[in-house]
C-alpha atoms as a PDB file:
ATOM      1  CA  MET A   1      83.285   2.197 -82.381  1.00  0.00           C
ATOM      2  CA  LYS A   2      81.009   0.960 -79.575  1.00  0.00           C
ATOM      3  CA  LYS A   3      81.816   4.087 -77.536  1.00  0.00           C
ATOM      4  CA  VAL A   4      80.905   6.337 -80.451  1.00  0.00           C
ATOM      5  CA  LEU A   5      77.558   4.521 -80.888  1.00  0.00           C
ATOM      6  CA  VAL A   6      76.790   4.759 -77.187  1.00  0.00           C
ATOM      7  CA  LEU A   7      77.658   8.429 -77.219  1.00  0.00           C
ATOM      8  CA  LEU A   8      75.474   9.019 -80.243  1.00  0.00           C
ATOM      9  CA  LEU A   9      72.538   7.296 -78.609  1.00  0.00           C
ATOM     10  CA  LEU A  10      72.954   9.249 -75.352  1.00  0.00           C
ATOM     11  CA  LEU A  11      73.173  12.544 -77.199  1.00  0.00           C
ATOM     12  CA  GLY A  12      70.161  11.541 -79.228  1.00  0.00           C
ATOM     13  CA  LEU A  13      68.137  10.816 -76.172  1.00  0.00           C
ATOM     14  CA  VAL A  14      69.153  14.077 -74.441  1.00  0.00           C
ATOM     15  CA  CYS A  15      68.380  16.222 -77.475  1.00  0.00           C
ATOM     16  CA  SER A  16      65.317  14.315 -78.680  1.00  0.00           C
ATOM     17  CA  CYS A  17      62.904  16.755 -77.075  1.00  0.00           C
ATOM     18  CA  GLN A  18      64.114  19.575 -79.395  1.00  0.00           C
ATOM     19  CA  SER A  19      64.103  17.763 -82.739  1.00  0.00           C
ATOM     20  CA  THR A  20      63.150  14.492 -84.325  1.00  0.00           C
ATOM     21  CA  PRO A  21      65.510  11.606 -83.492  1.00  0.00           C
ATOM     22  CA  SER A  22      66.784  11.355 -87.032  1.00  0.00           C
ATOM     23  CA  GLU A  23      67.671  15.074 -87.163  1.00  0.00           C
ATOM     24  CA  VAL A  24      69.585  14.821 -83.870  1.00  0.00           C
ATOM     25  CA  ILE A  25      71.498  11.740 -85.026  1.00  0.00           C
ATOM     26  CA  GLN A  26      72.388  13.367 -88.336  1.00  0.00           C
ATOM     27  CA  LYS A  27      73.700  16.453 -86.501  1.00  0.00           C
ATOM     28  CA  VAL A  28      75.731  14.407 -84.057  1.00  0.00           C
ATOM     29  CA  LYS A  29      77.212  12.360 -86.904  1.00  0.00           C
ATOM     30  CA  TYR A  30      78.170  15.576 -88.701  1.00  0.00           C
ATOM     31  CA  ASP A  31      79.744  16.981 -85.511  1.00  0.00           C
ATOM     32  CA  PHE A  32      81.899  13.862 -85.242  1.00  0.00           C
ATOM     33  CA  GLY A  33      82.842  14.005 -88.917  1.00  0.00           C
ATOM     34  CA  ILE A  34      81.121  10.747 -89.916  1.00  0.00           C
ATOM     35  CA  GLY A  35      77.930  12.061 -91.480  1.00  0.00           C
ATOM     36  CA  GLU A  36      76.695  14.557 -94.026  1.00  0.00           C
ATOM     37  CA  LYS A  37      75.820  18.099 -93.052  1.00  0.00           C
ATOM     38  CA  PRO A  38      72.106  18.453 -92.270  1.00  0.00           C
ATOM     39  CA  GLU A  39      70.108  20.996 -94.243  1.00  0.00           C
ATOM     40  CA  GLY A  40      70.347  24.478 -92.782  1.00  0.00           C
ATOM     41  CA  TYR A  41      73.169  23.526 -90.369  1.00  0.00           C
ATOM     42  CA  VAL A  42      75.603  26.374 -89.782  1.00  0.00           C
ATOM     43  CA  THR A  43      78.946  25.784 -88.103  1.00  0.00           C
ATOM     44  CA  GLY A  44      80.454  28.254 -85.684  1.00  0.00           C
ATOM     45  CA  THR A  45      83.207  29.042 -88.220  1.00  0.00           C
ATOM     46  CA  GLU A  46      80.612  29.951 -90.834  1.00  0.00           C
ATOM     47  CA  LEU A  47      78.807  32.130 -88.326  1.00  0.00           C
ATOM     48  CA  VAL A  48      82.051  33.968 -87.449  1.00  0.00           C
ATOM     49  CA  MET A  49      82.898  34.417 -91.125  1.00  0.00           C
ATOM     50  CA  ALA A  50      79.441  35.962 -91.686  1.00  0.00           C
ATOM     51  CA  ASN A  51      80.016  38.433 -88.801  1.00  0.00           C
ATOM     52  CA  LEU A  52      83.588  39.406 -89.723  1.00  0.00           C
ATOM     53  CA  ARG A  53      82.502  42.070 -92.282  1.00  0.00           C
ATOM     54  CA  LYS A  54      80.355  43.847 -89.583  1.00  0.00           C
ATOM     55  CA  VAL A  55      83.208  43.628 -87.069  1.00  0.00           C
ATOM     56  CA  GLY A  56      85.655  45.025 -89.684  1.00  0.00           C
ATOM     57  CA  GLU A  57      83.470  47.976 -90.507  1.00  0.00           C
ATOM     58  CA  SER A  58      82.960  48.771 -86.824  1.00  0.00           C
ATOM     59  CA  GLU A  59      86.650  48.469 -86.086  1.00  0.00           C
ATOM     60  CA  LEU A  60      87.546  50.568 -89.115  1.00  0.00           C
ATOM     61  CA  LYS A  61      85.619  53.509 -87.538  1.00  0.00           C
ATOM     62  CA  ARG A  62      87.191  52.908 -84.147  1.00  0.00           C
ATOM     63  CA  MET A  63      90.748  52.728 -85.459  1.00  0.00           C
ATOM     64  CA  ASN A  64      90.317  55.897 -87.513  1.00  0.00           C
ATOM     65  CA  MET A  65      88.880  57.742 -84.464  1.00  0.00           C
ATOM     66  CA  ALA A  66      91.750  56.540 -82.293  1.00  0.00           C
ATOM     67  CA  GLY A  67      94.392  57.684 -84.797  1.00  0.00           C
ATOM     68  CA  ARG A  68      92.746  60.917 -85.889  1.00  0.00           C
ATOM     69  CA  HIS A  69      95.291  63.069 -84.038  1.00  0.00           C
ATOM     70  CA  GLY A  70      98.197  61.436 -85.796  1.00  0.00           C
ATOM     71  CA  GLU A  71     101.874  61.710 -84.917  1.00  0.00           C
ATOM     72  CA  VAL A  72     104.146  64.737 -85.252  1.00  0.00           C
ATOM     73  CA  LYS A  73     107.398  63.904 -87.044  1.00  0.00           C
ATOM     74  CA  PHE A  74     110.579  65.793 -87.795  1.00  0.00           C
ATOM     75  CA  GLN A  75     112.003  65.995 -91.276  1.00  0.00           C
ATOM     76  CA  GLU A  76     115.712  66.743 -91.155  1.00  0.00           C
ATOM     77  CA  GLU A  77     116.899  69.005 -93.941  1.00  0.00           C
ATOM     78  CA  ALA A  78     120.522  69.950 -93.352  1.00  0.00           C
ATOM     79  CA  GLY A  79     122.336  68.919 -90.181  1.00  0.00           C
ATOM     80  CA  LEU A  80     120.262  69.969 -87.169  1.00  0.00           C
ATOM     81  CA  GLN A  81     117.806  71.974 -89.226  1.00  0.00           C
ATOM     82  CA  GLY A  82     114.469  70.684 -90.351  1.00  0.00           C
ATOM     83  CA  ARG A  83     110.717  71.073 -90.157  1.00  0.00           C
ATOM     84  CA  PHE A  84     107.864  69.423 -88.296  1.00  0.00           C
ATOM     85  CA  TYR A  85     104.813  67.767 -89.873  1.00  0.00           C
ATOM     86  CA  LYS A  86     101.856  65.673 -88.781  1.00  0.00           C
ATOM     87  CA  GLU A  87     101.340  62.166 -90.166  1.00  0.00           C
ATOM     88  CA  VAL A  88      98.040  60.268 -89.935  1.00  0.00           C
ATOM     89  CA  LYS A  89      97.252  56.671 -90.942  1.00  0.00           C
ATOM     90  CA  VAL A  90      93.713  56.433 -92.371  1.00  0.00           C
ATOM     91  CA  TYR A  91      92.182  52.957 -92.743  1.00  0.00           C
ATOM     92  CA  ASP A  92      89.934  52.813 -95.760  1.00  0.00           C
ATOM     93  CA  ASN A  93      88.750  49.220 -96.231  1.00  0.00           C
ATOM     94  CA  CYS A  94      88.492  45.808 -94.468  1.00  0.00           C
ATOM     95  CA  TYR A  95      88.791  42.327 -95.867  1.00  0.00           C
ATOM     96  CA  PRO A  96      87.631  39.310 -93.777  1.00  0.00           C
ATOM     97  CA  LEU A  97      90.254  36.591 -94.191  1.00  0.00           C
ATOM     98  CA  ASP A  98      89.716  33.544 -91.991  1.00  0.00           C
ATOM     99  CA  ALA A  99      87.929  32.106 -88.990  1.00  0.00           C
ATOM    100  CA  ARG A 100      88.931  29.062 -86.999  1.00  0.00           C
ATOM    101  CA  ALA A 101      87.953  27.320 -83.786  1.00  0.00           C
ATOM    102  CA  VAL A 102      90.245  27.630 -80.769  1.00  0.00           C
ATOM    103  CA  ALA A 103      90.156  25.494 -77.672  1.00  0.00           C
ATOM    104  CA  LYS A 104      92.183  26.246 -74.539  1.00  0.00           C
ATOM    105  CA  ALA A 105      92.035  23.015 -72.629  1.00  0.00           C
ATOM    106  CA  ALA A 106      93.823  24.328 -69.528  1.00  0.00           C
ATOM    107  CA  GLU A 107      91.432  27.207 -68.989  1.00  0.00           C
ATOM    108  CA  GLY A 108      88.344  25.592 -70.473  1.00  0.00           C
ATOM    109  CA  ASP A 109      87.843  28.630 -72.681  1.00  0.00           C
ATOM    110  CA  ARG A 110      86.548  27.767 -76.125  1.00  0.00           C
ATOM    111  CA  GLY A 111      85.713  30.047 -78.996  1.00  0.00           C
ATOM    112  CA  TYR A 112      86.884  31.299 -82.400  1.00  0.00           C
ATOM    113  CA  ILE A 113      89.539  33.517 -83.811  1.00  0.00           C
ATOM    114  CA  GLY A 114      88.739  35.719 -86.809  1.00  0.00           C
ATOM    115  CA  LEU A 115      91.329  37.520 -89.016  1.00  0.00           C
ATOM    116  CA  ILE A 116      90.575  40.789 -90.785  1.00  0.00           C
ATOM    117  CA  GLU A 117      92.956  42.627 -93.073  1.00  0.00           C
ATOM    118  CA  TYR A 118      92.743  46.451 -93.295  1.00  0.00           C
ATOM    119  CA  SER A 119      94.129  48.650 -96.026  1.00  0.00           C
ATOM    120  CA  TYR A 120      95.419  52.088 -95.091  1.00  0.00           C
ATOM    121  CA  ARG A 121      96.883  55.218 -96.583  1.00  0.00           C
ATOM    122  CA  ILE A 122      99.222  57.767 -94.976  1.00  0.00           C
ATOM    123  CA  TYR A 123      98.295  61.484 -95.007  1.00  0.00           C
ATOM    124  CA  GLN A 124     100.625  64.347 -94.046  1.00  0.00           C
ATOM    125  CA  SER A 125     100.368  68.035 -93.213  1.00  0.00           C
ATOM    126  CA  GLU A 126     102.368  70.928 -94.503  1.00  0.00           C
ATOM    127  CA  ARG A 127     105.839  71.474 -92.973  1.00  0.00           C
ATOM    128  CA  PHE A 128     106.124  73.861 -90.041  1.00  0.00           C
ATOM    129  CA  ASN A 129     108.940  75.416 -88.015  1.00  0.00           C
ATOM    130  CA  THR A 130     107.524  74.414 -84.621  1.00  0.00           C
ATOM    131  CA  ARG A 131     106.063  71.215 -83.210  1.00  0.00           C
ATOM    132  CA  THR A 132     103.023  73.152 -81.892  1.00  0.00           C
ATOM    133  CA  GLU A 133     102.086  74.367 -85.345  1.00  0.00           C
ATOM    134  CA  ALA A 134     102.394  70.842 -86.708  1.00  0.00           C
ATOM    135  CA  GLU A 135     100.199  69.449 -83.953  1.00  0.00           C
ATOM    136  CA  ALA A 136      97.469  71.976 -84.720  1.00  0.00           C
ATOM    137  CA  ALA A 137      97.580  71.325 -88.465  1.00  0.00           C
ATOM    138  CA  SER A 138      95.351  69.006 -90.386  1.00  0.00           C
ATOM    139  CA  ALA A 139      97.010  66.054 -92.176  1.00  0.00           C
ATOM    140  CA  SER A 140      95.127  66.262 -95.456  1.00  0.00           C
ATOM    141  CA  ILE A 141      97.838  65.788 -98.098  1.00  0.00           C
ATOM    142  CA  PRO A 142      97.703  62.227 -99.473  1.00  0.00           C
ATOM    143  CA  THR A 143     101.028  60.461 -99.955  1.00  0.00           C
ATOM    144  CA  ASP A 144     101.845  57.419-102.078  1.00  0.00           C
ATOM    145  CA  ILE A 145     102.476  55.406 -98.898  1.00  0.00           C
ATOM    146  CA  SER A 146      99.875  52.693 -98.375  1.00  0.00           C
ATOM    147  CA  GLY A 147      99.798  49.240 -96.866  1.00  0.00           C
ATOM    148  CA  ARG A 148      97.850  46.488 -95.228  1.00  0.00           C
ATOM    149  CA  GLU A 149      97.665  45.204 -91.657  1.00  0.00           C
ATOM    150  CA  THR A 150      96.014  42.040 -90.338  1.00  0.00           C
ATOM    151  CA  TYR A 151      94.263  42.012 -86.955  1.00  0.00           C
ATOM    152  CA  ARG A 152      93.067  39.004 -84.893  1.00  0.00           C
ATOM    153  CA  TYR A 153      89.693  39.121 -83.121  1.00  0.00           C
ATOM    154  CA  ARG A 154      88.240  36.792 -80.483  1.00  0.00           C
ATOM    155  CA  PHE A 155      84.704  35.357 -80.667  1.00  0.00           C
ATOM    156  CA  THR A 156      82.772  33.343 -78.122  1.00  0.00           C
ATOM    157  CA  ALA A 157      81.854  29.714 -78.557  1.00  0.00           C
ATOM    158  CA  GLY A 158      78.539  30.921 -80.018  1.00  0.00           C
ATOM    159  CA  GLY A 159      80.308  32.938 -82.715  1.00  0.00           C
ATOM    160  CA  ILE A 160      79.683  36.347 -81.141  1.00  0.00           C
ATOM    161  CA  TRP A 161      82.444  38.998 -81.119  1.00  0.00           C
ATOM    162  CA  ASP A 162      83.535  39.844 -77.585  1.00  0.00           C
ATOM    163  CA  GLY A 163      83.912  43.533 -78.467  1.00  0.00           C
ATOM    164  CA  SER A 164      87.588  43.866 -77.652  1.00  0.00           C
ATOM    165  CA  PRO A 165      89.944  45.621 -80.057  1.00  0.00           C
ATOM    166  CA  GLY A 166      91.888  43.461 -82.429  1.00  0.00           C
ATOM    167  CA  GLU A 167      95.493  42.340 -81.916  1.00  0.00           C
ATOM    168  CA  LEU A 168      97.921  43.244 -84.707  1.00  0.00           C
ATOM    169  CA  THR A 169      99.424  40.123 -86.209  1.00  0.00           C
ATOM    170  CA  LYS A 170     102.804  39.856 -87.899  1.00  0.00           C
END
């Protein structure tokens, strides 16, 4: 308990030039989990949660641009016969899920992880006899195939997104 009080006093002295001593002590108490949250105080997790919607909308556009060419698939009909078609996954909405602090003691890298869930729908093209025709076609026929995927994003210790693409989680 004595160490905590000494630490609180030292932090209070260091930060006293920015705020009144009582504001600094209240903030330090809150950071250590022994005091009430000061008025207007925003945690890093709250800051990340507030930014997740913007990140999701930005990534939604990026993922749709990256997957706009789709994938050509083969639909087998009878034995070795079949037809080619293009399939595209189109992301249509994002849902911010969670934000949490992460500390990597070995590397000294601190920050936050944010999770965003995206809903998507699969579109297909008409069936063609050759792969080349399928590649050139537009996948504009909606299917009843839809789903959701969750991606993990990294944020700095200040709650700012680092700009890297998300990692698909399982």
